[in-house]
Amino acid sequence: MFLRHNALGIAWAFFVLLLCALPGGQFQEARHEHLDKIIHTILFGLLFVLLTVGFIKQQNFAFLRSNVKLKVWIGCVCYGVLIELMQGTIFINRSIEVSDMLANMVGATIGLGVFLTIYGRESYS
C-alpha cells in the first residue's frame, strides 16, 4: 500500500538524484545565468507535492500521516542538502553550492504553496 501511493514520489526522488549525479562536464554553459537554480526549484517543488500526496494516501504508517506537510518539507530540504554534499564528495566534476541548497529549500516551499492551492489547508491526518 505504501509503495503503491508513493511510487511516483520515490521515482521522482531517484530521477533528481540521477540528474544531480551526472558529471559536471555534461552541461554546457546556460544562456540564462540562474537556470540551474530554477531547475532545482522545480525539481524539489514537484518532489514535495508528490511525496505529500503519497504520504497522505498511504495507510500503512500512521505516523507519516500526522504533520505530513512539515515532515515532507523537512525531508525534501534534508535530501537537497544530502545531494549537494554528495556532489562535493562522491560525484565527478561536481561541487557543493549553498545556492543550490537554498534553491532546493525554496522549491520545497513553493511545492507547499502549490499543494495548499490545489488541496486546501485541511490537516489530512
PDB file of N, CA and C in Angstrom:
ATOM      1  N   MET A   1       0.820  -1.193   0.000  1.00  0.00           N
ATOM      2  CA  MET A   1       0.000   0.000   0.000  1.00  0.00           C
ATOM      3  C   MET A   1       0.869   1.264   0.000  1.00  0.00           C
ATOM      4  N   PHE A   2       1.933   1.244   0.824  1.00  0.00           N
ATOM      5  CA  PHE A   2       2.806   2.418   0.888  1.00  0.00           C
ATOM      6  C   PHE A   2       3.450   2.684  -0.474  1.00  0.00           C
ATOM      7  N   LEU A   3       4.027   1.643  -1.064  1.00  0.00           N
ATOM      8  CA  LEU A   3       4.706   1.823  -2.350  1.00  0.00           C
ATOM      9  C   LEU A   3       3.745   2.194  -3.463  1.00  0.00           C
ATOM     10  N   ARG A   4       2.537   1.670  -3.408  1.00  0.00           N
ATOM     11  CA  ARG A   4       1.562   1.990  -4.448  1.00  0.00           C
ATOM     12  C   ARG A   4       1.286   3.491  -4.508  1.00  0.00           C
ATOM     13  N   HIS A   5       1.167   4.112  -3.345  1.00  0.00           N
ATOM     14  CA  HIS A   5       0.857   5.541  -3.305  1.00  0.00           C
ATOM     15  C   HIS A   5       2.097   6.428  -3.419  1.00  0.00           C
ATOM     16  N   ASN A   6       3.247   5.874  -3.146  1.00  0.00           N
ATOM     17  CA  ASN A   6       4.469   6.685  -3.148  1.00  0.00           C
ATOM     18  C   ASN A   6       5.434   6.340  -4.271  1.00  0.00           C
ATOM     19  N   ALA A   7       5.052   5.460  -5.169  1.00  0.00           N
ATOM     20  CA  ALA A   7       5.950   5.047  -6.255  1.00  0.00           C
ATOM     21  C   ALA A   7       6.383   6.240  -7.103  1.00  0.00           C
ATOM     22  N   LEU A   8       5.457   7.120  -7.414  1.00  0.00           N
ATOM     23  CA  LEU A   8       5.801   8.272  -8.249  1.00  0.00           C
ATOM     24  C   LEU A   8       6.763   9.220  -7.527  1.00  0.00           C
ATOM     25  N   GLY A   9       6.523   9.479  -6.254  1.00  0.00           N
ATOM     26  CA  GLY A   9       7.414  10.346  -5.480  1.00  0.00           C
ATOM     27  C   GLY A   9       8.800   9.755  -5.320  1.00  0.00           C
ATOM     28  N   ILE A  10       8.854   8.453  -5.057  1.00  0.00           N
ATOM     29  CA  ILE A  10      10.150   7.777  -4.915  1.00  0.00           C
ATOM     30  C   ILE A  10      10.888   7.759  -6.249  1.00  0.00           C
ATOM     31  N   ALA A  11      10.177   7.490  -7.333  1.00  0.00           N
ATOM     32  CA  ALA A  11      10.796   7.507  -8.658  1.00  0.00           C
ATOM     33  C   ALA A  11      11.325   8.906  -8.980  1.00  0.00           C
ATOM     34  N   TRP A  12      10.555   9.935  -8.618  1.00  0.00           N
ATOM     35  CA  TRP A  12      10.998  11.305  -8.867  1.00  0.00           C
ATOM     36  C   TRP A  12      12.249  11.623  -8.040  1.00  0.00           C
ATOM     37  N   ALA A  13      12.309  11.142  -6.807  1.00  0.00           N
ATOM     38  CA  ALA A  13      13.490  11.360  -5.963  1.00  0.00           C
ATOM     39  C   ALA A  13      14.725  10.715  -6.592  1.00  0.00           C
ATOM     40  N   PHE A  14      14.566   9.505  -7.144  1.00  0.00           N
ATOM     41  CA  PHE A  14      15.691   8.854  -7.828  1.00  0.00           C
ATOM     42  C   PHE A  14      16.079   9.616  -9.092  1.00  0.00           C
ATOM     43  N   PHE A  15      15.105  10.151  -9.818  1.00  0.00           N
ATOM     44  CA  PHE A  15      15.375  10.949 -11.010  1.00  0.00           C
ATOM     45  C   PHE A  15      16.176  12.200 -10.651  1.00  0.00           C
ATOM     46  N   VAL A  16      15.785  12.860  -9.566  1.00  0.00           N
ATOM     47  CA  VAL A  16      16.509  14.044  -9.096  1.00  0.00           C
ATOM     48  C   VAL A  16      17.947  13.666  -8.749  1.00  0.00           C
ATOM     49  N   LEU A  17      18.119  12.551  -8.041  1.00  0.00           N
ATOM     50  CA  LEU A  17      19.459  12.087  -7.688  1.00  0.00           C
ATOM     51  C   LEU A  17      20.281  11.797  -8.939  1.00  0.00           C
ATOM     52  N   LEU A  18      19.663  11.151  -9.908  1.00  0.00           N
ATOM     53  CA  LEU A  18      20.357  10.844 -11.158  1.00  0.00           C
ATOM     54  C   LEU A  18      20.809  12.117 -11.874  1.00  0.00           C
ATOM     55  N   LEU A  19      19.935  13.087 -11.968  1.00  0.00           N
ATOM     56  CA  LEU A  19      20.301  14.347 -12.621  1.00  0.00           C
ATOM     57  C   LEU A  19      21.448  15.041 -11.891  1.00  0.00           C
ATOM     58  N   CYS A  20      21.388  15.029 -10.576  1.00  0.00           N
ATOM     59  CA  CYS A  20      22.429  15.700  -9.791  1.00  0.00           C
ATOM     60  C   CYS A  20      23.737  14.915  -9.768  1.00  0.00           C
ATOM     61  N   ALA A  21      23.688  13.633 -10.121  1.00  0.00           N
ATOM     62  CA  ALA A  21      24.891  12.797 -10.120  1.00  0.00           C
ATOM     63  C   ALA A  21      25.630  12.833 -11.450  1.00  0.00           C
ATOM     64  N   LEU A  22      25.008  13.387 -12.477  1.00  0.00           N
ATOM     65  CA  LEU A  22      25.678  13.454 -13.779  1.00  0.00           C
ATOM     66  C   LEU A  22      26.972  14.251 -13.661  1.00  0.00           C
ATOM     67  N   PRO A  23      28.021  13.822 -14.318  1.00  0.00           N
ATOM     68  CA  PRO A  23      29.275  14.582 -14.268  1.00  0.00           C
ATOM     69  C   PRO A  23      29.082  16.018 -14.737  1.00  0.00           C
ATOM     70  N   GLY A  24      29.770  16.929 -14.074  1.00  0.00           N
ATOM     71  CA  GLY A  24      29.623  18.344 -14.381  1.00  0.00           C
ATOM     72  C   GLY A  24      29.990  18.708 -15.803  1.00  0.00           C
ATOM     73  N   GLY A  25      30.853  17.958 -16.439  1.00  0.00           N
ATOM     74  CA  GLY A  25      31.257  18.245 -17.807  1.00  0.00           C
ATOM     75  C   GLY A  25      30.164  17.982 -18.823  1.00  0.00           C
ATOM     76  N   GLN A  26      29.067  17.356 -18.412  1.00  0.00           N
ATOM     77  CA  GLN A  26      27.968  17.040 -19.311  1.00  0.00           C
ATOM     78  C   GLN A  26      27.160  18.274 -19.701  1.00  0.00           C
ATOM     79  N   PHE A  27      27.305  19.346 -18.943  1.00  0.00           N
ATOM     80  CA  PHE A  27      26.448  20.510 -19.130  1.00  0.00           C
ATOM     81  C   PHE A  27      27.201  21.631 -19.826  1.00  0.00           C
ATOM     82  N   GLN A  28      26.502  22.275 -20.741  1.00  0.00           N
ATOM     83  CA  GLN A  28      27.052  23.447 -21.408  1.00  0.00           C
ATOM     84  C   GLN A  28      26.683  24.675 -20.585  1.00  0.00           C
ATOM     85  N   GLU A  29      27.374  25.733 -20.838  1.00  0.00           N
ATOM     86  CA  GLU A  29      27.034  26.976 -20.163  1.00  0.00           C
ATOM     87  C   GLU A  29      25.628  27.403 -20.571  1.00  0.00           C
ATOM     88  N   ALA A  30      24.808  27.716 -19.586  1.00  0.00           N
ATOM     89  CA  ALA A  30      23.425  28.104 -19.862  1.00  0.00           C
ATOM     90  C   ALA A  30      23.364  29.556 -20.331  1.00  0.00           C
ATOM     91  N   ARG A  31      22.414  29.815 -21.188  1.00  0.00           N
ATOM     92  CA  ARG A  31      22.215  31.198 -21.652  1.00  0.00           C
ATOM     93  C   ARG A  31      21.641  32.055 -20.531  1.00  0.00           C
ATOM     94  N   HIS A  32      20.838  31.437 -19.695  1.00  0.00           N
ATOM     95  CA  HIS A  32      20.269  32.133 -18.543  1.00  0.00           C
ATOM     96  C   HIS A  32      21.179  31.862 -17.350  1.00  0.00           C
ATOM     97  N   GLU A  33      21.604  32.911 -16.698  1.00  0.00           N
ATOM     98  CA  GLU A  33      22.618  32.802 -15.648  1.00  0.00           C
ATOM     99  C   GLU A  33      22.198  31.895 -14.488  1.00  0.00           C
ATOM    100  N   HIS A  34      20.934  31.907 -14.120  1.00  0.00           N
ATOM    101  CA  HIS A  34      20.478  31.149 -12.953  1.00  0.00           C
ATOM    102  C   HIS A  34      19.540  30.006 -13.335  1.00  0.00           C
ATOM    103  N   LEU A  35      19.703  29.465 -14.520  1.00  0.00           N
ATOM    104  CA  LEU A  35      18.831  28.393 -14.987  1.00  0.00           C
ATOM    105  C   LEU A  35      18.907  27.174 -14.074  1.00  0.00           C
ATOM    106  N   ASP A  36      20.094  26.847 -13.582  1.00  0.00           N
ATOM    107  CA  ASP A  36      20.215  25.674 -12.711  1.00  0.00           C
ATOM    108  C   ASP A  36      19.441  25.858 -11.411  1.00  0.00           C
ATOM    109  N   LYS A  37      19.355  27.071 -10.904  1.00  0.00           N
ATOM    110  CA  LYS A  37      18.582  27.331  -9.681  1.00  0.00           C
ATOM    111  C   LYS A  37      17.093  27.146  -9.948  1.00  0.00           C
ATOM    112  N   ILE A  38      16.645  27.577 -11.106  1.00  0.00           N
ATOM    113  CA  ILE A  38      15.243  27.408 -11.483  1.00  0.00           C
ATOM    114  C   ILE A  38      14.923  25.917 -11.600  1.00  0.00           C
ATOM    115  N   ILE A  39      15.831  25.162 -12.180  1.00  0.00           N
ATOM    116  CA  ILE A  39      15.630  23.722 -12.325  1.00  0.00           C
ATOM    117  C   ILE A  39      15.572  23.051 -10.955  1.00  0.00           C
ATOM    118  N   HIS A  40      16.479  23.407 -10.050  1.00  0.00           N
ATOM    119  CA  HIS A  40      16.453  22.864  -8.691  1.00  0.00           C
ATOM    120  C   HIS A  40      15.120  23.175  -8.014  1.00  0.00           C
ATOM    121  N   THR A  41      14.651  24.395  -8.176  1.00  0.00           N
ATOM    122  CA  THR A  41      13.393  24.809  -7.560  1.00  0.00           C
ATOM    123  C   THR A  41      12.230  23.978  -8.079  1.00  0.00           C
ATOM    124  N   ILE A  42      12.171  23.769  -9.373  1.00  0.00           N
ATOM    125  CA  ILE A  42      11.091  22.979  -9.966  1.00  0.00           C
ATOM    126  C   ILE A  42      11.181  21.520  -9.517  1.00  0.00           C
ATOM    127  N   LEU A  43      12.381  20.949  -9.539  1.00  0.00           N
ATOM    128  CA  LEU A  43      12.556  19.551  -9.142  1.00  0.00           C
ATOM    129  C   LEU A  43      12.075  19.307  -7.716  1.00  0.00           C
ATOM    130  N   PHE A  44      12.452  20.179  -6.801  1.00  0.00           N
ATOM    131  CA  PHE A  44      12.096  19.968  -5.404  1.00  0.00           C
ATOM    132  C   PHE A  44      10.672  20.395  -5.092  1.00  0.00           C
ATOM    133  N   GLY A  45      10.119  21.316  -5.858  1.00  0.00           N
ATOM    134  CA  GLY A  45       8.701  21.646  -5.695  1.00  0.00           C
ATOM    135  C   GLY A  45       7.828  20.466  -6.061  1.00  0.00           C
ATOM    136  N   LEU A  46       8.133  19.840  -7.175  1.00  0.00           N
ATOM    137  CA  LEU A  46       7.371  18.667  -7.605  1.00  0.00           C
ATOM    138  C   LEU A  46       7.594  17.496  -6.650  1.00  0.00           C
ATOM    139  N   LEU A  47       8.817  17.324  -6.172  1.00  0.00           N
ATOM    140  CA  LEU A  47       9.102  16.268  -5.206  1.00  0.00           C
ATOM    141  C   LEU A  47       8.239  16.441  -3.960  1.00  0.00           C
ATOM    142  N   PHE A  48       8.127  17.666  -3.468  1.00  0.00           N
ATOM    143  CA  PHE A  48       7.310  17.928  -2.285  1.00  0.00           C
ATOM    144  C   PHE A  48       5.858  17.528  -2.529  1.00  0.00           C
ATOM    145  N   VAL A  49       5.287  17.945  -3.644  1.00  0.00           N
ATOM    146  CA  VAL A  49       3.880  17.651  -3.928  1.00  0.00           C
ATOM    147  C   VAL A  49       3.658  16.141  -4.048  1.00  0.00           C
ATOM    148  N   LEU A  50       4.514  15.458  -4.792  1.00  0.00           N
ATOM    149  CA  LEU A  50       4.339  14.020  -4.995  1.00  0.00           C
ATOM    150  C   LEU A  50       4.439  13.246  -3.682  1.00  0.00           C
ATOM    151  N   LEU A  51       5.434  13.569  -2.864  1.00  0.00           N
ATOM    152  CA  LEU A  51       5.594  12.854  -1.597  1.00  0.00           C
ATOM    153  C   LEU A  51       4.470  13.186  -0.623  1.00  0.00           C
ATOM    154  N   THR A  52       4.027  14.422  -0.590  1.00  0.00           N
ATOM    155  CA  THR A  52       2.942  14.799   0.319  1.00  0.00           C
ATOM    156  C   THR A  52       1.663  14.049  -0.021  1.00  0.00           C
ATOM    157  N   VAL A  53       1.307  14.019  -1.282  1.00  0.00           N
ATOM    158  CA  VAL A  53       0.106  13.297  -1.701  1.00  0.00           C
ATOM    159  C   VAL A  53       0.243  11.809  -1.384  1.00  0.00           C
ATOM    160  N   GLY A  54       1.412  11.232  -1.659  1.00  0.00           N
ATOM    161  CA  GLY A  54       1.633   9.821  -1.379  1.00  0.00           C
ATOM    162  C   GLY A  54       1.553   9.499   0.101  1.00  0.00           C
ATOM    163  N   PHE A  55       2.136  10.343   0.948  1.00  0.00           N
ATOM    164  CA  PHE A  55       2.107  10.097   2.390  1.00  0.00           C
ATOM    165  C   PHE A  55       0.689  10.207   2.938  1.00  0.00           C
ATOM    166  N   ILE A  56      -0.091  11.131   2.393  1.00  0.00           N
ATOM    167  CA  ILE A  56      -1.472  11.297   2.847  1.00  0.00           C
ATOM    168  C   ILE A  56      -2.322  10.095   2.456  1.00  0.00           C
ATOM    169  N   LYS A  57      -2.125   9.590   1.257  1.00  0.00           N
ATOM    170  CA  LYS A  57      -2.948   8.484   0.761  1.00  0.00           C
ATOM    171  C   LYS A  57      -2.595   7.136   1.382  1.00  0.00           C
ATOM    172  N   GLN A  58      -1.355   6.916   1.757  1.00  0.00           N
ATOM    173  CA  GLN A  58      -0.953   5.616   2.289  1.00  0.00           C
ATOM    174  C   GLN A  58      -1.586   5.397   3.657  1.00  0.00           C
ATOM    175  N   GLN A  59      -1.832   4.149   3.982  1.00  0.00           N
ATOM    176  CA  GLN A  59      -2.471   3.788   5.254  1.00  0.00           C
ATOM    177  C   GLN A  59      -1.569   2.939   6.154  1.00  0.00           C
ATOM    178  N   ASN A  60      -0.440   2.477   5.659  1.00  0.00           N
ATOM    179  CA  ASN A  60       0.399   1.536   6.408  1.00  0.00           C
ATOM    180  C   ASN A  60       1.112   2.170   7.598  1.00  0.00           C
ATOM    181  N   PHE A  61       1.545   3.394   7.471  1.00  0.00           N
ATOM    182  CA  PHE A  61       2.338   4.043   8.514  1.00  0.00           C
ATOM    183  C   PHE A  61       1.603   5.290   9.004  1.00  0.00           C
ATOM    184  N   ALA A  62       0.886   5.123  10.104  1.00  0.00           N
ATOM    185  CA  ALA A  62       0.058   6.214  10.631  1.00  0.00           C
ATOM    186  C   ALA A  62       0.900   7.442  11.004  1.00  0.00           C
ATOM    187  N   PHE A  63       2.133   7.223  11.484  1.00  0.00           N
ATOM    188  CA  PHE A  63       2.970   8.353  11.897  1.00  0.00           C
ATOM    189  C   PHE A  63       3.321   9.268  10.721  1.00  0.00           C
ATOM    190  N   LEU A  64       3.284   8.753   9.510  1.00  0.00           N
ATOM    191  CA  LEU A  64       3.557   9.585   8.332  1.00  0.00           C
ATOM    192  C   LEU A  64       2.367  10.453   7.946  1.00  0.00           C
ATOM    193  N   ARG A  65       1.210  10.154   8.517  1.00  0.00           N
ATOM    194  CA  ARG A  65       0.006  10.899   8.166  1.00  0.00           C
ATOM    195  C   ARG A  65      -0.215  12.111   9.065  1.00  0.00           C
ATOM    196  N   SER A  66       0.526  12.228  10.152  1.00  0.00           N
ATOM    197  CA  SER A  66       0.385  13.403  11.009  1.00  0.00           C
ATOM    198  C   SER A  66       1.487  14.401  10.650  1.00  0.00           C
ATOM    199  N   ASN A  67       1.134  15.651  10.613  1.00  0.00           N
ATOM    200  CA  ASN A  67       2.078  16.718  10.240  1.00  0.00           C
ATOM    201  C   ASN A  67       2.792  16.397   8.932  1.00  0.00           C
ATOM    202  N   VAL A  68       2.040  15.915   7.964  1.00  0.00           N
ATOM    203  CA  VAL A  68       2.616  15.455   6.702  1.00  0.00           C
ATOM    204  C   VAL A  68       3.414  16.548   6.015  1.00  0.00           C
ATOM    205  N   LYS A  69       2.841  17.710   5.904  1.00  0.00           N
ATOM    206  CA  LYS A  69       3.499  18.785   5.147  1.00  0.00           C
ATOM    207  C   LYS A  69       4.830  19.166   5.777  1.00  0.00           C
ATOM    208  N   LEU A  70       4.865  19.255   7.102  1.00  0.00           N
ATOM    209  CA  LEU A  70       6.118  19.600   7.784  1.00  0.00           C
ATOM    210  C   LEU A  70       7.155  18.501   7.601  1.00  0.00           C
ATOM    211  N   LYS A  71       6.751  17.245   7.764  1.00  0.00           N
ATOM    212  CA  LYS A  71       7.685  16.131   7.622  1.00  0.00           C
ATOM    213  C   LYS A  71       8.242  16.054   6.199  1.00  0.00           C
ATOM    214  N   VAL A  72       7.384  16.224   5.215  1.00  0.00           N
ATOM    215  CA  VAL A  72       7.854  16.145   3.832  1.00  0.00           C
ATOM    216  C   VAL A  72       8.753  17.334   3.515  1.00  0.00           C
ATOM    217  N   TRP A  73       8.406  18.518   4.012  1.00  0.00           N
ATOM    218  CA  TRP A  73       9.237  19.696   3.755  1.00  0.00           C
ATOM    219  C   TRP A  73      10.628  19.494   4.353  1.00  0.00           C
ATOM    220  N   ILE A  74      10.688  19.037   5.587  1.00  0.00           N
ATOM    221  CA  ILE A  74      11.987  18.783   6.219  1.00  0.00           C
ATOM    222  C   ILE A  74      12.740  17.694   5.460  1.00  0.00           C
ATOM    223  N   GLY A  75      12.043  16.649   5.051  1.00  0.00           N
ATOM    224  CA  GLY A  75      12.673  15.582   4.281  1.00  0.00           C
ATOM    225  C   GLY A  75      13.238  16.069   2.961  1.00  0.00           C
ATOM    226  N   CYS A  76      12.494  16.917   2.266  1.00  0.00           N
ATOM    227  CA  CYS A  76      12.973  17.460   0.985  1.00  0.00           C
ATOM    228  C   CYS A  76      14.199  18.341   1.185  1.00  0.00           C
ATOM    229  N   VAL A  77      14.178  19.163   2.220  1.00  0.00           N
ATOM    230  CA  VAL A  77      15.323  20.034   2.496  1.00  0.00           C
ATOM    231  C   VAL A  77      16.548  19.192   2.844  1.00  0.00           C
ATOM    232  N   CYS A  78      16.376  18.194   3.691  1.00  0.00           N
ATOM    233  CA  CYS A  78      17.500  17.318   4.054  1.00  0.00           C
ATOM    234  C   CYS A  78      18.020  16.553   2.842  1.00  0.00           C
ATOM    235  N   TYR A  79      17.117  16.102   1.987  1.00  0.00           N
ATOM    236  CA  TYR A  79      17.504  15.395   0.767  1.00  0.00           C
ATOM    237  C   TYR A  79      18.309  16.322  -0.148  1.00  0.00           C
ATOM    238  N   GLY A  80      17.881  17.564  -0.262  1.00  0.00           N
ATOM    239  CA  GLY A  80      18.612  18.534  -1.073  1.00  0.00           C
ATOM    240  C   GLY A  80      20.006  18.803  -0.537  1.00  0.00           C
ATOM    241  N   VAL A  81      20.128  18.914   0.780  1.00  0.00           N
ATOM    242  CA  VAL A  81      21.445  19.123   1.399  1.00  0.00           C
ATOM    243  C   VAL A  81      22.315  17.891   1.185  1.00  0.00           C
ATOM    244  N   LEU A  82      21.744  16.708   1.374  1.00  0.00           N
ATOM    245  CA  LEU A  82      22.489  15.465   1.171  1.00  0.00           C
ATOM    246  C   LEU A  82      23.013  15.346  -0.253  1.00  0.00           C
ATOM    247  N   ILE A  83      22.170  15.668  -1.222  1.00  0.00           N
ATOM    248  CA  ILE A  83      22.603  15.598  -2.619  1.00  0.00           C
ATOM    249  C   ILE A  83      23.752  16.574  -2.874  1.00  0.00           C
ATOM    250  N   GLU A  84      23.661  17.765  -2.325  1.00  0.00           N
ATOM    251  CA  GLU A  84      24.747  18.734  -2.511  1.00  0.00           C
ATOM    252  C   GLU A  84      26.038  18.254  -1.860  1.00  0.00           C
ATOM    253  N   LEU A  85      25.939  17.647  -0.686  1.00  0.00           N
ATOM    254  CA  LEU A  85      27.132  17.101  -0.036  1.00  0.00           C
ATOM    255  C   LEU A  85      27.727  15.971  -0.869  1.00  0.00           C
ATOM    256  N   MET A  86      26.875  15.153  -1.460  1.00  0.00           N
ATOM    257  CA  MET A  86      27.352  14.079  -2.335  1.00  0.00           C
ATOM    258  C   MET A  86      28.008  14.647  -3.587  1.00  0.00           C
ATOM    259  N   GLN A  87      27.503  15.761  -4.081  1.00  0.00           N
ATOM    260  CA  GLN A  87      28.131  16.387  -5.249  1.00  0.00           C
ATOM    261  C   GLN A  87      29.540  16.843  -4.933  1.00  0.00           C
ATOM    262  N   GLY A  88      29.760  17.264  -3.723  1.00  0.00           N
ATOM    263  CA  GLY A  88      31.092  17.725  -3.354  1.00  0.00           C
ATOM    264  C   GLY A  88      32.053  16.617  -2.988  1.00  0.00           C
ATOM    265  N   THR A  89      31.531  15.422  -2.688  1.00  0.00           N
ATOM    266  CA  THR A  89      32.405  14.358  -2.209  1.00  0.00           C
ATOM    267  C   THR A  89      32.431  13.112  -3.087  1.00  0.00           C
ATOM    268  N   ILE A  90      31.327  12.770  -3.713  1.00  0.00           N
ATOM    269  CA  ILE A  90      31.228  11.500  -4.436  1.00  0.00           C
ATOM    270  C   ILE A  90      31.178  11.685  -5.950  1.00  0.00           C
ATOM    271  N   PHE A  91      30.336  12.588  -6.407  1.00  0.00           N
ATOM    272  CA  PHE A  91      30.090  12.729  -7.838  1.00  0.00           C
ATOM    273  C   PHE A  91      31.250  13.420  -8.543  1.00  0.00           C
ATOM    274  N   ILE A  92      31.460  13.065  -9.805  1.00  0.00           N
ATOM    275  CA  ILE A  92      32.595  13.537 -10.590  1.00  0.00           C
ATOM    276  C   ILE A  92      32.317  14.928 -11.150  1.00  0.00           C
ATOM    277  N   ASN A  93      33.304  15.805 -11.029  1.00  0.00           N
ATOM    278  CA  ASN A  93      33.238  17.167 -11.569  1.00  0.00           C
ATOM    279  C   ASN A  93      32.033  17.948 -11.067  1.00  0.00           C
ATOM    280  N   ARG A  94      31.649  17.712  -9.824  1.00  0.00           N
ATOM    281  CA  ARG A  94      30.547  18.446  -9.209  1.00  0.00           C
ATOM    282  C   ARG A  94      31.072  19.117  -7.956  1.00  0.00           C
ATOM    283  N   SER A  95      30.359  20.112  -7.479  1.00  0.00           N
ATOM    284  CA  SER A  95      30.802  20.803  -6.273  1.00  0.00           C
ATOM    285  C   SER A  95      29.594  21.171  -5.414  1.00  0.00           C
ATOM    286  N   ILE A  96      29.864  21.436  -4.158  1.00  0.00           N
ATOM    287  CA  ILE A  96      28.814  21.864  -3.230  1.00  0.00           C
ATOM    288  C   ILE A  96      28.516  23.332  -3.495  1.00  0.00           C
ATOM    289  N   GLU A  97      27.242  23.636  -3.646  1.00  0.00           N
ATOM    290  CA  GLU A  97      26.820  25.030  -3.821  1.00  0.00           C
ATOM    291  C   GLU A  97      25.701  25.323  -2.836  1.00  0.00           C
ATOM    292  N   VAL A  98      25.962  26.251  -1.943  1.00  0.00           N
ATOM    293  CA  VAL A  98      24.954  26.641  -0.962  1.00  0.00           C
ATOM    294  C   VAL A  98      23.732  27.221  -1.678  1.00  0.00           C
ATOM    295  N   SER A  99      23.956  27.896  -2.783  1.00  0.00           N
ATOM    296  CA  SER A  99      22.826  28.469  -3.528  1.00  0.00           C
ATOM    297  C   SER A  99      21.911  27.381  -4.078  1.00  0.00           C
ATOM    298  N   ASP A 100      22.455  26.218  -4.421  1.00  0.00           N
ATOM    299  CA  ASP A 100      21.615  25.096  -4.846  1.00  0.00           C
ATOM    300  C   ASP A 100      20.802  24.560  -3.665  1.00  0.00           C
ATOM    301  N   MET A 101      21.417  24.514  -2.483  1.00  0.00           N
ATOM    302  CA  MET A 101      20.685  24.083  -1.295  1.00  0.00           C
ATOM    303  C   MET A 101      19.511  25.024  -1.027  1.00  0.00           C
ATOM    304  N   LEU A 102      19.767  26.314  -1.171  1.00  0.00           N
ATOM    305  CA  LEU A 102      18.697  27.300  -0.967  1.00  0.00           C
ATOM    306  C   LEU A 102      17.618  27.169  -2.031  1.00  0.00           C
ATOM    307  N   ALA A 103      18.013  26.893  -3.269  1.00  0.00           N
ATOM    308  CA  ALA A 103      17.035  26.700  -4.340  1.00  0.00           C
ATOM    309  C   ALA A 103      16.185  25.464  -4.062  1.00  0.00           C
ATOM    310  N   ASN A 104      16.788  24.408  -3.527  1.00  0.00           N
ATOM    311  CA  ASN A 104      16.033  23.213  -3.155  1.00  0.00           C
ATOM    312  C   ASN A 104      15.008  23.544  -2.062  1.00  0.00           C
ATOM    313  N   MET A 105      15.430  24.338  -1.078  1.00  0.00           N
ATOM    314  CA  MET A 105      14.541  24.735   0.006  1.00  0.00           C
ATOM    315  C   MET A 105      13.398  25.609  -0.518  1.00  0.00           C
ATOM    316  N   VAL A 106      13.731  26.524  -1.384  1.00  0.00           N
ATOM    317  CA  VAL A 106      12.699  27.380  -1.991  1.00  0.00           C
ATOM    318  C   VAL A 106      11.734  26.528  -2.801  1.00  0.00           C
ATOM    319  N   GLY A 107      12.258  25.552  -3.527  1.00  0.00           N
ATOM    320  CA  GLY A 107      11.404  24.664  -4.306  1.00  0.00           C
ATOM    321  C   GLY A 107      10.441  23.894  -3.431  1.00  0.00           C
ATOM    322  N   ALA A 108      10.915  23.363  -2.310  1.00  0.00           N
ATOM    323  CA  ALA A 108      10.039  22.643  -1.382  1.00  0.00           C
ATOM    324  C   ALA A 108       8.974  23.579  -0.818  1.00  0.00           C
ATOM    325  N   THR A 109       9.352  24.815  -0.550  1.00  0.00           N
ATOM    326  CA  THR A 109       8.401  25.798  -0.031  1.00  0.00           C
ATOM    327  C   THR A 109       7.362  26.163  -1.090  1.00  0.00           C
ATOM    328  N   ILE A 110       7.798  26.326  -2.318  1.00  0.00           N
ATOM    329  CA  ILE A 110       6.854  26.588  -3.410  1.00  0.00           C
ATOM    330  C   ILE A 110       5.942  25.375  -3.603  1.00  0.00           C
ATOM    331  N   GLY A 111       6.512  24.172  -3.481  1.00  0.00           N
ATOM    332  CA  GLY A 111       5.704  22.962  -3.546  1.00  0.00           C
ATOM    333  C   GLY A 111       4.619  22.955  -2.480  1.00  0.00           C
ATOM    334  N   LEU A 112       4.946  23.419  -1.273  1.00  0.00           N
ATOM    335  CA  LEU A 112       3.956  23.547  -0.209  1.00  0.00           C
ATOM    336  C   LEU A 112       2.848  24.498  -0.633  1.00  0.00           C
ATOM    337  N   GLY A 113       3.233  25.628  -1.205  1.00  0.00           N
ATOM    338  CA  GLY A 113       2.239  26.592  -1.676  1.00  0.00           C
ATOM    339  C   GLY A 113       1.346  26.008  -2.764  1.00  0.00           C
ATOM    340  N   VAL A 114       1.948  25.271  -3.693  1.00  0.00           N
ATOM    341  CA  VAL A 114       1.178  24.631  -4.758  1.00  0.00           C
ATOM    342  C   VAL A 114       0.226  23.595  -4.164  1.00  0.00           C
ATOM    343  N   PHE A 115       0.718  22.800  -3.231  1.00  0.00           N
ATOM    344  CA  PHE A 115      -0.126  21.800  -2.582  1.00  0.00           C
ATOM    345  C   PHE A 115      -1.311  22.461  -1.894  1.00  0.00           C
ATOM    346  N   LEU A 116      -1.058  23.522  -1.129  1.00  0.00           N
ATOM    347  CA  LEU A 116      -2.136  24.214  -0.417  1.00  0.00           C
ATOM    348  C   LEU A 116      -3.125  24.845  -1.388  1.00  0.00           C
ATOM    349  N   THR A 117      -2.638  25.321  -2.513  1.00  0.00           N
ATOM    350  CA  THR A 117      -3.519  25.905  -3.525  1.00  0.00           C
ATOM    351  C   THR A 117      -4.430  24.846  -4.134  1.00  0.00           C
ATOM    352  N   ILE A 118      -3.887  23.678  -4.391  1.00  0.00           N
ATOM    353  CA  ILE A 118      -4.667  22.608  -5.026  1.00  0.00           C
ATOM    354  C   ILE A 118      -5.589  21.917  -4.033  1.00  0.00           C
ATOM    355  N   TYR A 119      -5.067  21.557  -2.861  1.00  0.00           N
ATOM    356  CA  TYR A 119      -5.792  20.703  -1.928  1.00  0.00           C
ATOM    357  C   TYR A 119      -6.379  21.444  -0.732  1.00  0.00           C
ATOM    358  N   GLY A 120      -6.023  22.677  -0.518  1.00  0.00           N
ATOM    359  CA  GLY A 120      -6.545  23.426   0.620  1.00  0.00           C
ATOM    360  C   GLY A 120      -5.710  23.225   1.863  1.00  0.00           C
ATOM    361  N   ARG A 121      -6.204  23.758   2.954  1.00  0.00           N
ATOM    362  CA  ARG A 121      -5.430  23.778   4.204  1.00  0.00           C
ATOM    363  C   ARG A 121      -5.885  22.744   5.230  1.00  0.00           C
ATOM    364  N   GLU A 122      -6.573  21.717   4.819  1.00  0.00           N
ATOM    365  CA  GLU A 122      -7.018  20.695   5.763  1.00  0.00           C
ATOM    366  C   GLU A 122      -5.818  19.997   6.379  1.00  0.00           C
ATOM    367  N   SER A 123      -6.039  19.333   7.512  1.00  0.00           N
ATOM    368  CA  SER A 123      -4.927  18.700   8.222  1.00  0.00           C
ATOM    369  C   SER A 123      -4.495  17.394   7.557  1.00  0.00           C
ATOM    370  N   TYR A 124      -5.408  16.690   6.920  1.00  0.00           N
ATOM    371  CA  TYR A 124      -5.117  15.428   6.220  1.00  0.00           C
ATOM    372  C   TYR A 124      -4.617  14.332   7.135  1.00  0.00           C
ATOM    373  N   SER A 125      -4.927  14.420   8.419  1.00  0.00           N
ATOM    374  CA  SER A 125      -4.497  13.343   9.310  1.00  0.00           C
ATOM    375  C   SER A 125      -5.686  12.569   9.837  1.00  0.00           C
TER     376      SER A 125
END
